[in-house]
Amino acid sequence: MIIFDSSTLGLLTRIDVLDSFLSSFEGTVIIPAKVRLKATRSDKEDAESINRHIEDKKIGVVKVKNVALVKRFMDDFSIDAGEAAALTLAGEKKLVSWRLRIEMQFVQTSF
């Protein structure tokens, strides 16, 4: 499983790599709902391609459960909502190292 943020998704689309990657990758590709909102805005040149992949079920859209952690990442690391949601989703799906999961657990409990 791979989780993209909007920057990575946009860059792969602009350099014409996303189509071939999605065709050859045997795993699951997901993005947080916040990333979808940003990546598919009408002012984005690659929005049509990304929307097509979402509609074709090549990219799944997942809502992040821990909204408080997204906010905490944004505040603590000065990153946008999509990046923070991608990090949070990686933790929720247990796709990050055990050390980062421990650090994320600490961030969650230190409110």
PDB file of N, CA and C in Angstrom:
ATOM      1  N   MET A   1       0.845  -1.177   0.000  1.00  0.00           N
ATOM      2  CA  MET A   1       0.000   0.000   0.000  1.00  0.00           C
ATOM      3  C   MET A   1       0.885   1.233   0.000  1.00  0.00           C
ATOM      4  N   ILE A   2       0.477   2.203  -0.804  1.00  0.00           N
ATOM      5  CA  ILE A   2       1.173   3.486  -0.869  1.00  0.00           C
ATOM      6  C   ILE A   2       0.156   4.589  -0.627  1.00  0.00           C
ATOM      7  N   ILE A   3       0.571   5.590   0.140  1.00  0.00           N
ATOM      8  CA  ILE A   3      -0.253   6.767   0.378  1.00  0.00           C
ATOM      9  C   ILE A   3       0.463   7.960  -0.227  1.00  0.00           C
ATOM     10  N   PHE A   4      -0.232   8.683  -1.085  1.00  0.00           N
ATOM     11  CA  PHE A   4       0.342   9.881  -1.699  1.00  0.00           C
ATOM     12  C   PHE A   4      -0.217  11.130  -1.053  1.00  0.00           C
ATOM     13  N   ASP A   5       0.611  12.177  -1.003  1.00  0.00           N
ATOM     14  CA  ASP A   5       0.096  13.506  -0.711  1.00  0.00           C
ATOM     15  C   ASP A   5      -0.118  14.203  -2.061  1.00  0.00           C
ATOM     16  N   SER A   6      -0.679  15.389  -2.045  1.00  0.00           N
ATOM     17  CA  SER A   6      -1.044  16.033  -3.318  1.00  0.00           C
ATOM     18  C   SER A   6       0.170  16.426  -4.146  1.00  0.00           C
ATOM     19  N   SER A   7       1.263  16.807  -3.511  1.00  0.00           N
ATOM     20  CA  SER A   7       2.460  17.192  -4.267  1.00  0.00           C
ATOM     21  C   SER A   7       3.006  16.018  -5.083  1.00  0.00           C
ATOM     22  N   THR A   8       3.139  14.881  -4.435  1.00  0.00           N
ATOM     23  CA  THR A   8       3.651  13.694  -5.120  1.00  0.00           C
ATOM     24  C   THR A   8       2.712  13.264  -6.236  1.00  0.00           C
ATOM     25  N   LEU A   9       1.428  13.257  -5.946  1.00  0.00           N
ATOM     26  CA  LEU A   9       0.430  12.872  -6.942  1.00  0.00           C
ATOM     27  C   LEU A   9       0.480  13.802  -8.154  1.00  0.00           C
ATOM     28  N   GLY A  10       0.558  15.089  -7.903  1.00  0.00           N
ATOM     29  CA  GLY A  10       0.628  16.066  -8.984  1.00  0.00           C
ATOM     30  C   GLY A  10       1.892  15.941  -9.805  1.00  0.00           C
ATOM     31  N   LEU A  11       3.025  15.762  -9.142  1.00  0.00           N
ATOM     32  CA  LEU A  11       4.287  15.627  -9.869  1.00  0.00           C
ATOM     33  C   LEU A  11       4.310  14.378 -10.741  1.00  0.00           C
ATOM     34  N   LEU A  12       3.853  13.266 -10.207  1.00  0.00           N
ATOM     35  CA  LEU A  12       3.815  12.032 -11.005  1.00  0.00           C
ATOM     36  C   LEU A  12       2.908  12.187 -12.223  1.00  0.00           C
ATOM     37  N   THR A  13       1.834  12.940 -12.068  1.00  0.00           N
ATOM     38  CA  THR A  13       0.928  13.178 -13.190  1.00  0.00           C
ATOM     39  C   THR A  13       1.589  14.067 -14.235  1.00  0.00           C
ATOM     40  N   ARG A  14       2.222  15.153 -13.789  1.00  0.00           N
ATOM     41  CA  ARG A  14       2.831  16.113 -14.721  1.00  0.00           C
ATOM     42  C   ARG A  14       3.996  15.543 -15.497  1.00  0.00           C
ATOM     43  N   ILE A  15       4.706  14.580 -14.928  1.00  0.00           N
ATOM     44  CA  ILE A  15       5.828  13.989 -15.670  1.00  0.00           C
ATOM     45  C   ILE A  15       5.418  12.690 -16.367  1.00  0.00           C
ATOM     46  N   ASP A  16       4.109  12.487 -16.478  1.00  0.00           N
ATOM     47  CA  ASP A  16       3.542  11.333 -17.199  1.00  0.00           C
ATOM     48  C   ASP A  16       4.016   9.987 -16.675  1.00  0.00           C
ATOM     49  N   VAL A  17       4.102   9.858 -15.372  1.00  0.00           N
ATOM     50  CA  VAL A  17       4.522   8.599 -14.759  1.00  0.00           C
ATOM     51  C   VAL A  17       3.365   7.930 -14.019  1.00  0.00           C
ATOM     52  N   LEU A  18       2.377   8.700 -13.588  1.00  0.00           N
ATOM     53  CA  LEU A  18       1.307   8.144 -12.761  1.00  0.00           C
ATOM     54  C   LEU A  18       0.550   7.027 -13.471  1.00  0.00           C
ATOM     55  N   ASP A  19       0.201   7.220 -14.731  1.00  0.00           N
ATOM     56  CA  ASP A  19      -0.535   6.188 -15.471  1.00  0.00           C
ATOM     57  C   ASP A  19       0.220   4.861 -15.497  1.00  0.00           C
ATOM     58  N   SER A  20       1.491   4.906 -15.879  1.00  0.00           N
ATOM     59  CA  SER A  20       2.257   3.655 -15.963  1.00  0.00           C
ATOM     60  C   SER A  20       2.501   3.060 -14.578  1.00  0.00           C
ATOM     61  N   PHE A  21       2.703   3.914 -13.577  1.00  0.00           N
ATOM     62  CA  PHE A  21       2.880   3.403 -12.223  1.00  0.00           C
ATOM     63  C   PHE A  21       1.636   2.653 -11.766  1.00  0.00           C
ATOM     64  N   LEU A  22       0.465   3.274 -11.928  1.00  0.00           N
ATOM     65  CA  LEU A  22      -0.777   2.644 -11.480  1.00  0.00           C
ATOM     66  C   LEU A  22      -1.088   1.373 -12.257  1.00  0.00           C
ATOM     67  N   SER A  23      -0.660   1.321 -13.510  1.00  0.00           N
ATOM     68  CA  SER A  23      -0.884   0.114 -14.317  1.00  0.00           C
ATOM     69  C   SER A  23      -0.001  -1.048 -13.877  1.00  0.00           C
ATOM     70  N   SER A  24       1.200  -0.735 -13.403  1.00  0.00           N
ATOM     71  CA  SER A  24       2.138  -1.803 -13.058  1.00  0.00           C
ATOM     72  C   SER A  24       2.197  -2.122 -11.573  1.00  0.00           C
ATOM     73  N   PHE A  25       1.774  -1.195 -10.728  1.00  0.00           N
ATOM     74  CA  PHE A  25       1.843  -1.419  -9.277  1.00  0.00           C
ATOM     75  C   PHE A  25       0.761  -2.403  -8.855  1.00  0.00           C
ATOM     76  N   GLU A  26       1.154  -3.450  -8.145  1.00  0.00           N
ATOM     77  CA  GLU A  26       0.206  -4.491  -7.756  1.00  0.00           C
ATOM     78  C   GLU A  26      -0.433  -4.242  -6.393  1.00  0.00           C
ATOM     79  N   GLY A  27       0.021  -3.229  -5.695  1.00  0.00           N
ATOM     80  CA  GLY A  27      -0.535  -2.915  -4.380  1.00  0.00           C
ATOM     81  C   GLY A  27      -1.682  -1.923  -4.486  1.00  0.00           C
ATOM     82  N   THR A  28      -2.056  -1.398  -3.348  1.00  0.00           N
ATOM     83  CA  THR A  28      -3.145  -0.432  -3.259  1.00  0.00           C
ATOM     84  C   THR A  28      -2.573   0.966  -3.130  1.00  0.00           C
ATOM     85  N   VAL A  29      -3.172   1.912  -3.828  1.00  0.00           N
ATOM     86  CA  VAL A  29      -2.789   3.316  -3.725  1.00  0.00           C
ATOM     87  C   VAL A  29      -3.973   4.064  -3.124  1.00  0.00           C
ATOM     88  N   ILE A  30      -3.714   4.784  -2.040  1.00  0.00           N
ATOM     89  CA  ILE A  30      -4.775   5.562  -1.409  1.00  0.00           C
ATOM     90  C   ILE A  30      -4.298   6.987  -1.154  1.00  0.00           C
ATOM     91  N   ILE A  31      -5.273   7.878  -1.039  1.00  0.00           N
ATOM     92  CA  ILE A  31      -5.003   9.254  -0.664  1.00  0.00           C
ATOM     93  C   ILE A  31      -6.040   9.671   0.380  1.00  0.00           C
ATOM     94  N   PRO A  32      -5.664  10.562   1.278  1.00  0.00           N
ATOM     95  CA  PRO A  32      -6.653  11.092   2.207  1.00  0.00           C
ATOM     96  C   PRO A  32      -7.663  11.972   1.456  1.00  0.00           C
ATOM     97  N   ALA A  33      -8.860  12.099   1.998  1.00  0.00           N
ATOM     98  CA  ALA A  33      -9.888  12.932   1.374  1.00  0.00           C
ATOM     99  C   ALA A  33      -9.406  14.373   1.202  1.00  0.00           C
ATOM    100  N   LYS A  34      -8.620  14.884   2.139  1.00  0.00           N
ATOM    101  CA  LYS A  34      -8.064  16.239   2.026  1.00  0.00           C
ATOM    102  C   LYS A  34      -7.166  16.373   0.808  1.00  0.00           C
ATOM    103  N   VAL A  35      -6.419  15.337   0.502  1.00  0.00           N
ATOM    104  CA  VAL A  35      -5.550  15.360  -0.677  1.00  0.00           C
ATOM    105  C   VAL A  35      -6.400  15.388  -1.943  1.00  0.00           C
ATOM    106  N   ARG A  36      -7.469  14.620  -1.951  1.00  0.00           N
ATOM    107  CA  ARG A  36      -8.354  14.643  -3.121  1.00  0.00           C
ATOM    108  C   ARG A  36      -8.893  16.051  -3.365  1.00  0.00           C
ATOM    109  N   LEU A  37      -9.340  16.700  -2.310  1.00  0.00           N
ATOM    110  CA  LEU A  37      -9.867  18.063  -2.455  1.00  0.00           C
ATOM    111  C   LEU A  37      -8.838  18.998  -3.078  1.00  0.00           C
ATOM    112  N   LYS A  38      -7.614  18.904  -2.623  1.00  0.00           N
ATOM    113  CA  LYS A  38      -6.566  19.793  -3.130  1.00  0.00           C
ATOM    114  C   LYS A  38      -6.130  19.412  -4.542  1.00  0.00           C
ATOM    115  N   ALA A  39      -5.945  18.117  -4.781  1.00  0.00           N
ATOM    116  CA  ALA A  39      -5.404  17.659  -6.064  1.00  0.00           C
ATOM    117  C   ALA A  39      -6.398  17.744  -7.211  1.00  0.00           C
ATOM    118  N   THR A  40      -7.672  17.826  -6.899  1.00  0.00           N
ATOM    119  CA  THR A  40      -8.678  17.827  -7.970  1.00  0.00           C
ATOM    120  C   THR A  40      -9.417  19.163  -8.084  1.00  0.00           C
ATOM    121  N   ARG A  41      -8.850  20.207  -7.503  1.00  0.00           N
ATOM    122  CA  ARG A  41      -9.453  21.537  -7.663  1.00  0.00           C
ATOM    123  C   ARG A  41      -9.447  21.927  -9.128  1.00  0.00           C
ATOM    124  N   SER A  42     -10.401  22.731  -9.515  1.00  0.00           N
ATOM    125  CA  SER A  42     -10.544  23.102 -10.926  1.00  0.00           C
ATOM    126  C   SER A  42      -9.349  23.891 -11.462  1.00  0.00           C
ATOM    127  N   ASP A  43      -8.567  24.521 -10.599  1.00  0.00           N
ATOM    128  CA  ASP A  43      -7.410  25.279 -11.071  1.00  0.00           C
ATOM    129  C   ASP A  43      -6.151  24.411 -11.212  1.00  0.00           C
ATOM    130  N   LYS A  44      -6.256  23.138 -10.928  1.00  0.00           N
ATOM    131  CA  LYS A  44      -5.104  22.234 -11.057  1.00  0.00           C
ATOM    132  C   LYS A  44      -5.099  21.593 -12.438  1.00  0.00           C
ATOM    133  N   GLU A  45      -3.972  21.692 -13.125  1.00  0.00           N
ATOM    134  CA  GLU A  45      -3.886  21.160 -14.486  1.00  0.00           C
ATOM    135  C   GLU A  45      -4.006  19.647 -14.557  1.00  0.00           C
ATOM    136  N   ASP A  46      -3.649  18.952 -13.485  1.00  0.00           N
ATOM    137  CA  ASP A  46      -3.685  17.490 -13.484  1.00  0.00           C
ATOM    138  C   ASP A  46      -4.944  16.931 -12.820  1.00  0.00           C
ATOM    139  N   ALA A  47      -5.901  17.779 -12.484  1.00  0.00           N
ATOM    140  CA  ALA A  47      -7.112  17.353 -11.771  1.00  0.00           C
ATOM    141  C   ALA A  47      -7.915  16.314 -12.548  1.00  0.00           C
ATOM    142  N   GLU A  48      -8.046  16.499 -13.844  1.00  0.00           N
ATOM    143  CA  GLU A  48      -8.841  15.572 -14.653  1.00  0.00           C
ATOM    144  C   GLU A  48      -8.256  14.159 -14.622  1.00  0.00           C
ATOM    145  N   SER A  49      -6.955  14.067 -14.769  1.00  0.00           N
ATOM    146  CA  SER A  49      -6.294  12.760 -14.755  1.00  0.00           C
ATOM    147  C   SER A  49      -6.442  12.088 -13.382  1.00  0.00           C
ATOM    148  N   ILE A  50      -6.244  12.838 -12.333  1.00  0.00           N
ATOM    149  CA  ILE A  50      -6.356  12.279 -10.987  1.00  0.00           C
ATOM    150  C   ILE A  50      -7.789  11.833 -10.711  1.00  0.00           C
ATOM    151  N   ASN A  51      -8.758  12.648 -11.092  1.00  0.00           N
ATOM    152  CA  ASN A  51     -10.171  12.266 -10.924  1.00  0.00           C
ATOM    153  C   ASN A  51     -10.500  10.983 -11.677  1.00  0.00           C
ATOM    154  N   ARG A  52      -9.956  10.845 -12.875  1.00  0.00           N
ATOM    155  CA  ARG A  52     -10.197   9.644 -13.676  1.00  0.00           C
ATOM    156  C   ARG A  52      -9.679   8.407 -12.952  1.00  0.00           C
ATOM    157  N   HIS A  53      -8.499   8.510 -12.367  1.00  0.00           N
ATOM    158  CA  HIS A  53      -7.930   7.366 -11.636  1.00  0.00           C
ATOM    159  C   HIS A  53      -8.744   7.035 -10.393  1.00  0.00           C
ATOM    160  N   ILE A  54      -9.292   8.055  -9.750  1.00  0.00           N
ATOM    161  CA  ILE A  54     -10.145   7.820  -8.583  1.00  0.00           C
ATOM    162  C   ILE A  54     -11.436   7.138  -9.021  1.00  0.00           C
ATOM    163  N   GLU A  55     -12.044   7.637 -10.085  1.00  0.00           N
ATOM    164  CA  GLU A  55     -13.284   7.038 -10.596  1.00  0.00           C
ATOM    165  C   GLU A  55     -13.068   5.610 -11.076  1.00  0.00           C
ATOM    166  N   ASP A  56     -11.890   5.336 -11.649  1.00  0.00           N
ATOM    167  CA  ASP A  56     -11.556   3.986 -12.121  1.00  0.00           C
ATOM    168  C   ASP A  56     -11.094   3.068 -10.990  1.00  0.00           C
ATOM    169  N   LYS A  57     -11.116   3.570  -9.756  1.00  0.00           N
ATOM    170  CA  LYS A  57     -10.742   2.800  -8.557  1.00  0.00           C
ATOM    171  C   LYS A  57      -9.268   2.402  -8.536  1.00  0.00           C
ATOM    172  N   LYS A  58      -8.437   3.135  -9.275  1.00  0.00           N
ATOM    173  CA  LYS A  58      -6.997   2.893  -9.216  1.00  0.00           C
ATOM    174  C   LYS A  58      -6.376   3.622  -8.028  1.00  0.00           C
ATOM    175  N   ILE A  59      -7.057   4.675  -7.587  1.00  0.00           N
ATOM    176  CA  ILE A  59      -6.657   5.413  -6.390  1.00  0.00           C
ATOM    177  C   ILE A  59      -7.860   5.448  -5.459  1.00  0.00           C
ATOM    178  N   GLY A  60      -7.677   4.942  -4.261  1.00  0.00           N
ATOM    179  CA  GLY A  60      -8.744   4.981  -3.270  1.00  0.00           C
ATOM    180  C   GLY A  60      -8.668   6.256  -2.439  1.00  0.00           C
ATOM    181  N   VAL A  61      -9.806   6.725  -2.000  1.00  0.00           N
ATOM    182  CA  VAL A  61      -9.872   7.909  -1.152  1.00  0.00           C
ATOM    183  C   VAL A  61     -10.366   7.472   0.227  1.00  0.00           C
ATOM    184  N   VAL A  62      -9.604   7.824   1.250  1.00  0.00           N
ATOM    185  CA  VAL A  62      -9.900   7.384   2.608  1.00  0.00           C
ATOM    186  C   VAL A  62      -9.991   8.597   3.526  1.00  0.00           C
ATOM    187  N   LYS A  63     -10.992   8.591   4.366  1.00  0.00           N
ATOM    188  CA  LYS A  63     -11.127   9.666   5.353  1.00  0.00           C
ATOM    189  C   LYS A  63     -10.285   9.333   6.581  1.00  0.00           C
ATOM    190  N   VAL A  64      -9.500  10.284   7.021  1.00  0.00           N
ATOM    191  CA  VAL A  64      -8.668  10.116   8.210  1.00  0.00           C
ATOM    192  C   VAL A  64      -9.559  10.109   9.449  1.00  0.00           C
ATOM    193  N   LYS A  65      -9.279   9.197  10.359  1.00  0.00           N
ATOM    194  CA  LYS A  65     -10.088   9.085  11.578  1.00  0.00           C
ATOM    195  C   LYS A  65      -9.663  10.085  12.652  1.00  0.00           C
ATOM    196  N   ASN A  66      -8.372  10.276  12.802  1.00  0.00           N
ATOM    197  CA  ASN A  66      -7.856  11.092  13.895  1.00  0.00           C
ATOM    198  C   ASN A  66      -7.595  12.532  13.429  1.00  0.00           C
ATOM    199  N   VAL A  67      -8.649  13.324  13.388  1.00  0.00           N
ATOM    200  CA  VAL A  67      -8.558  14.710  12.921  1.00  0.00           C
ATOM    201  C   VAL A  67      -7.694  15.557  13.861  1.00  0.00           C
ATOM    202  N   ALA A  68      -7.717  15.236  15.142  1.00  0.00           N
ATOM    203  CA  ALA A  68      -6.901  15.976  16.106  1.00  0.00           C
ATOM    204  C   ALA A  68      -5.413  15.808  15.812  1.00  0.00           C
ATOM    205  N   LEU A  69      -5.006  14.623  15.390  1.00  0.00           N
ATOM    206  CA  LEU A  69      -3.602  14.392  15.062  1.00  0.00           C
ATOM    207  C   LEU A  69      -3.212  15.152  13.794  1.00  0.00           C
ATOM    208  N   VAL A  70      -4.117  15.225  12.836  1.00  0.00           N
ATOM    209  CA  VAL A  70      -3.852  16.021  11.623  1.00  0.00           C
ATOM    210  C   VAL A  70      -3.557  17.460  12.030  1.00  0.00           C
ATOM    211  N   LYS A  71      -4.399  18.014  12.875  1.00  0.00           N
ATOM    212  CA  LYS A  71      -4.222  19.395  13.341  1.00  0.00           C
ATOM    213  C   LYS A  71      -2.904  19.550  14.082  1.00  0.00           C
ATOM    214  N   ARG A  72      -2.583  18.570  14.897  1.00  0.00           N
ATOM    215  CA  ARG A  72      -1.334  18.631  15.668  1.00  0.00           C
ATOM    216  C   ARG A  72      -0.120  18.619  14.743  1.00  0.00           C
ATOM    217  N   PHE A  73      -0.131  17.753  13.729  1.00  0.00           N
ATOM    218  CA  PHE A  73       0.960  17.746  12.740  1.00  0.00           C
ATOM    219  C   PHE A  73       1.074  19.105  12.049  1.00  0.00           C
ATOM    220  N   MET A  74      -0.055  19.670  11.689  1.00  0.00           N
ATOM    221  CA  MET A  74      -0.047  20.974  11.016  1.00  0.00           C
ATOM    222  C   MET A  74       0.564  22.046  11.910  1.00  0.00           C
ATOM    223  N   ASP A  75       0.167  22.065  13.153  1.00  0.00           N
ATOM    224  CA  ASP A  75       0.666  23.067  14.095  1.00  0.00           C
ATOM    225  C   ASP A  75       2.136  22.862  14.434  1.00  0.00           C
ATOM    226  N   ASP A  76       2.505  21.620  14.719  1.00  0.00           N
ATOM    227  CA  ASP A  76       3.868  21.341  15.178  1.00  0.00           C
ATOM    228  C   ASP A  76       4.915  21.399  14.066  1.00  0.00           C
ATOM    229  N   PHE A  77       4.519  21.055  12.846  1.00  0.00           N
ATOM    230  CA  PHE A  77       5.503  20.954  11.768  1.00  0.00           C
ATOM    231  C   PHE A  77       5.269  21.927  10.620  1.00  0.00           C
ATOM    232  N   SER A  78       4.291  22.805  10.765  1.00  0.00           N
ATOM    233  CA  SER A  78       3.984  23.813   9.732  1.00  0.00           C
ATOM    234  C   SER A  78       3.810  23.186   8.353  1.00  0.00           C
ATOM    235  N   ILE A  79       3.006  22.128   8.286  1.00  0.00           N
ATOM    236  CA  ILE A  79       2.693  21.489   7.012  1.00  0.00           C
ATOM    237  C   ILE A  79       1.214  21.678   6.720  1.00  0.00           C
ATOM    238  N   ASP A  80       0.845  21.487   5.461  1.00  0.00           N
ATOM    239  CA  ASP A  80      -0.561  21.710   5.119  1.00  0.00           C
ATOM    240  C   ASP A  80      -1.415  20.493   5.497  1.00  0.00           C
ATOM    241  N   ALA A  81      -2.723  20.666   5.352  1.00  0.00           N
ATOM    242  CA  ALA A  81      -3.677  19.638   5.789  1.00  0.00           C
ATOM    243  C   ALA A  81      -3.501  18.325   5.034  1.00  0.00           C
ATOM    244  N   GLY A  82      -3.197  18.379   3.746  1.00  0.00           N
ATOM    245  CA  GLY A  82      -3.014  17.155   2.963  1.00  0.00           C
ATOM    246  C   GLY A  82      -1.800  16.353   3.409  1.00  0.00           C
ATOM    247  N   GLU A  83      -0.688  17.041   3.631  1.00  0.00           N
ATOM    248  CA  GLU A  83       0.513  16.347   4.109  1.00  0.00           C
ATOM    249  C   GLU A  83       0.275  15.749   5.492  1.00  0.00           C
ATOM    250  N   ALA A  84      -0.352  16.527   6.359  1.00  0.00           N
ATOM    251  CA  ALA A  84      -0.640  16.041   7.711  1.00  0.00           C
ATOM    252  C   ALA A  84      -1.603  14.855   7.679  1.00  0.00           C
ATOM    253  N   ALA A  85      -2.586  14.913   6.794  1.00  0.00           N
ATOM    254  CA  ALA A  85      -3.538  13.802   6.666  1.00  0.00           C
ATOM    255  C   ALA A  85      -2.847  12.557   6.133  1.00  0.00           C
ATOM    256  N   ALA A  86      -1.924  12.715   5.190  1.00  0.00           N
ATOM    257  CA  ALA A  86      -1.194  11.562   4.651  1.00  0.00           C
ATOM    258  C   ALA A  86      -0.342  10.905   5.740  1.00  0.00           C
ATOM    259  N   LEU A  87       0.330  11.702   6.557  1.00  0.00           N
ATOM    260  CA  LEU A  87       1.116  11.149   7.665  1.00  0.00           C
ATOM    261  C   LEU A  87       0.229  10.429   8.677  1.00  0.00           C
ATOM    262  N   THR A  88      -0.886  11.052   9.007  1.00  0.00           N
ATOM    263  CA  THR A  88      -1.812  10.446   9.962  1.00  0.00           C
ATOM    264  C   THR A  88      -2.369   9.141   9.419  1.00  0.00           C
ATOM    265  N   LEU A  89      -2.755   9.148   8.145  1.00  0.00           N
ATOM    266  CA  LEU A  89      -3.290   7.943   7.516  1.00  0.00           C
ATOM    267  C   LEU A  89      -2.251   6.822   7.492  1.00  0.00           C
ATOM    268  N   ALA A  90      -0.987   7.173   7.247  1.00  0.00           N
ATOM    269  CA  ALA A  90       0.082   6.160   7.273  1.00  0.00           C
ATOM    270  C   ALA A  90       0.184   5.524   8.649  1.00  0.00           C
ATOM    271  N   GLY A  91       0.028   6.326   9.686  1.00  0.00           N
ATOM    272  CA  GLY A  91       0.040   5.779  11.041  1.00  0.00           C
ATOM    273  C   GLY A  91      -1.171   4.914  11.311  1.00  0.00           C
ATOM    274  N   GLU A  92      -2.336   5.362  10.856  1.00  0.00           N
ATOM    275  CA  GLU A  92      -3.557   4.590  11.063  1.00  0.00           C
ATOM    276  C   GLU A  92      -3.515   3.245  10.335  1.00  0.00           C
ATOM    277  N   LYS A  93      -2.891   3.220   9.179  1.00  0.00           N
ATOM    278  CA  LYS A  93      -2.772   1.984   8.403  1.00  0.00           C
ATOM    279  C   LYS A  93      -1.536   1.177   8.786  1.00  0.00           C
ATOM    280  N   LYS A  94      -0.790   1.691   9.771  1.00  0.00           N
ATOM    281  CA  LYS A  94       0.426   1.033  10.259  1.00  0.00           C
ATOM    282  C   LYS A  94       1.447   0.807   9.146  1.00  0.00           C
ATOM    283  N   LEU A  95       1.617   1.842   8.324  1.00  0.00           N
ATOM    284  CA  LEU A  95       2.566   1.770   7.219  1.00  0.00           C
ATOM    285  C   LEU A  95       3.878   2.468   7.528  1.00  0.00           C
ATOM    286  N   VAL A  96       4.032   2.906   8.749  1.00  0.00           N
ATOM    287  CA  VAL A  96       5.247   3.601   9.133  1.00  0.00           C
ATOM    288  C   VAL A  96       6.028   2.741  10.106  1.00  0.00           C
ATOM    289  N   SER A  97       7.261   3.092  10.321  1.00  0.00           N
ATOM    290  CA  SER A  97       8.113   2.308  11.208  1.00  0.00           C
ATOM    291  C   SER A  97       7.570   2.311  12.634  1.00  0.00           C
ATOM    292  N   TRP A  98       7.970   1.324  13.395  1.00  0.00           N
ATOM    293  CA  TRP A  98       7.517   1.231  14.777  1.00  0.00           C
ATOM    294  C   TRP A  98       7.915   2.463  15.562  1.00  0.00           C
ATOM    295  N   ARG A  99       9.081   3.032  15.259  1.00  0.00           N
ATOM    296  CA  ARG A  99       9.541   4.224  15.991  1.00  0.00           C
ATOM    297  C   ARG A  99       8.623   5.414  15.707  1.00  0.00           C
ATOM    298  N   LEU A 100       8.281   5.631  14.446  1.00  0.00           N
ATOM    299  CA  LEU A 100       7.391   6.740  14.120  1.00  0.00           C
ATOM    300  C   LEU A 100       6.018   6.516  14.722  1.00  0.00           C
ATOM    301  N   ARG A 101       5.544   5.272  14.741  1.00  0.00           N
ATOM    302  CA  ARG A 101       4.242   4.994  15.372  1.00  0.00           C
ATOM    303  C   ARG A 101       4.276   5.352  16.853  1.00  0.00           C
ATOM    304  N   ILE A 102       5.398   5.061  17.530  1.00  0.00           N
ATOM    305  CA  ILE A 102       5.528   5.417  18.942  1.00  0.00           C
ATOM    306  C   ILE A 102       5.513   6.935  19.092  1.00  0.00           C
ATOM    307  N   GLU A 103       6.241   7.638  18.210  1.00  0.00           N
ATOM    308  CA  GLU A 103       6.262   9.095  18.271  1.00  0.00           C
ATOM    309  C   GLU A 103       4.871   9.667  17.982  1.00  0.00           C
ATOM    310  N   MET A 104       4.149   9.074  17.027  1.00  0.00           N
ATOM    311  CA  MET A 104       2.797   9.532  16.723  1.00  0.00           C
ATOM    312  C   MET A 104       1.879   9.287  17.918  1.00  0.00           C
ATOM    313  N   GLN A 105       2.055   8.158  18.591  1.00  0.00           N
ATOM    314  CA  GLN A 105       1.259   7.866  19.782  1.00  0.00           C
ATOM    315  C   GLN A 105       1.526   8.909  20.857  1.00  0.00           C
ATOM    316  N   PHE A 106       2.792   9.300  20.992  1.00  0.00           N
ATOM    317  CA  PHE A 106       3.137  10.326  21.962  1.00  0.00           C
ATOM    318  C   PHE A 106       2.470  11.661  21.610  1.00  0.00           C
ATOM    319  N   VAL A 107       2.497  12.032  20.339  1.00  0.00           N
ATOM    320  CA  VAL A 107       1.868  13.272  19.907  1.00  0.00           C
ATOM    321  C   VAL A 107       0.377  13.229  20.217  1.00  0.00           C
ATOM    322  N   GLN A 108      -0.278  12.086  19.961  1.00  0.00           N
ATOM    323  CA  GLN A 108      -1.703  11.945  20.213  1.00  0.00           C
ATOM    324  C   GLN A 108      -2.032  12.131  21.686  1.00  0.00           C
ATOM    325  N   THR A 109      -1.203  11.601  22.573  1.00  0.00           N
ATOM    326  CA  THR A 109      -1.527  11.607  23.997  1.00  0.00           C
ATOM    327  C   THR A 109      -1.023  12.847  24.717  1.00  0.00           C
ATOM    328  N   SER A 110      -0.297  13.708  24.038  1.00  0.00           N
ATOM    329  CA  SER A 110       0.273  14.864  24.732  1.00  0.00           C
ATOM    330  C   SER A 110      -0.575  16.114  24.595  1.00  0.00           C
ATOM    331  N   PHE A 111      -1.856  15.969  24.358  1.00  0.00           N
ATOM    332  CA  PHE A 111      -2.755  17.126  24.280  1.00  0.00           C
ATOM    333  C   PHE A 111      -3.062  17.636  25.653  1.00  0.00           C
TER     334      PHE A 111
END
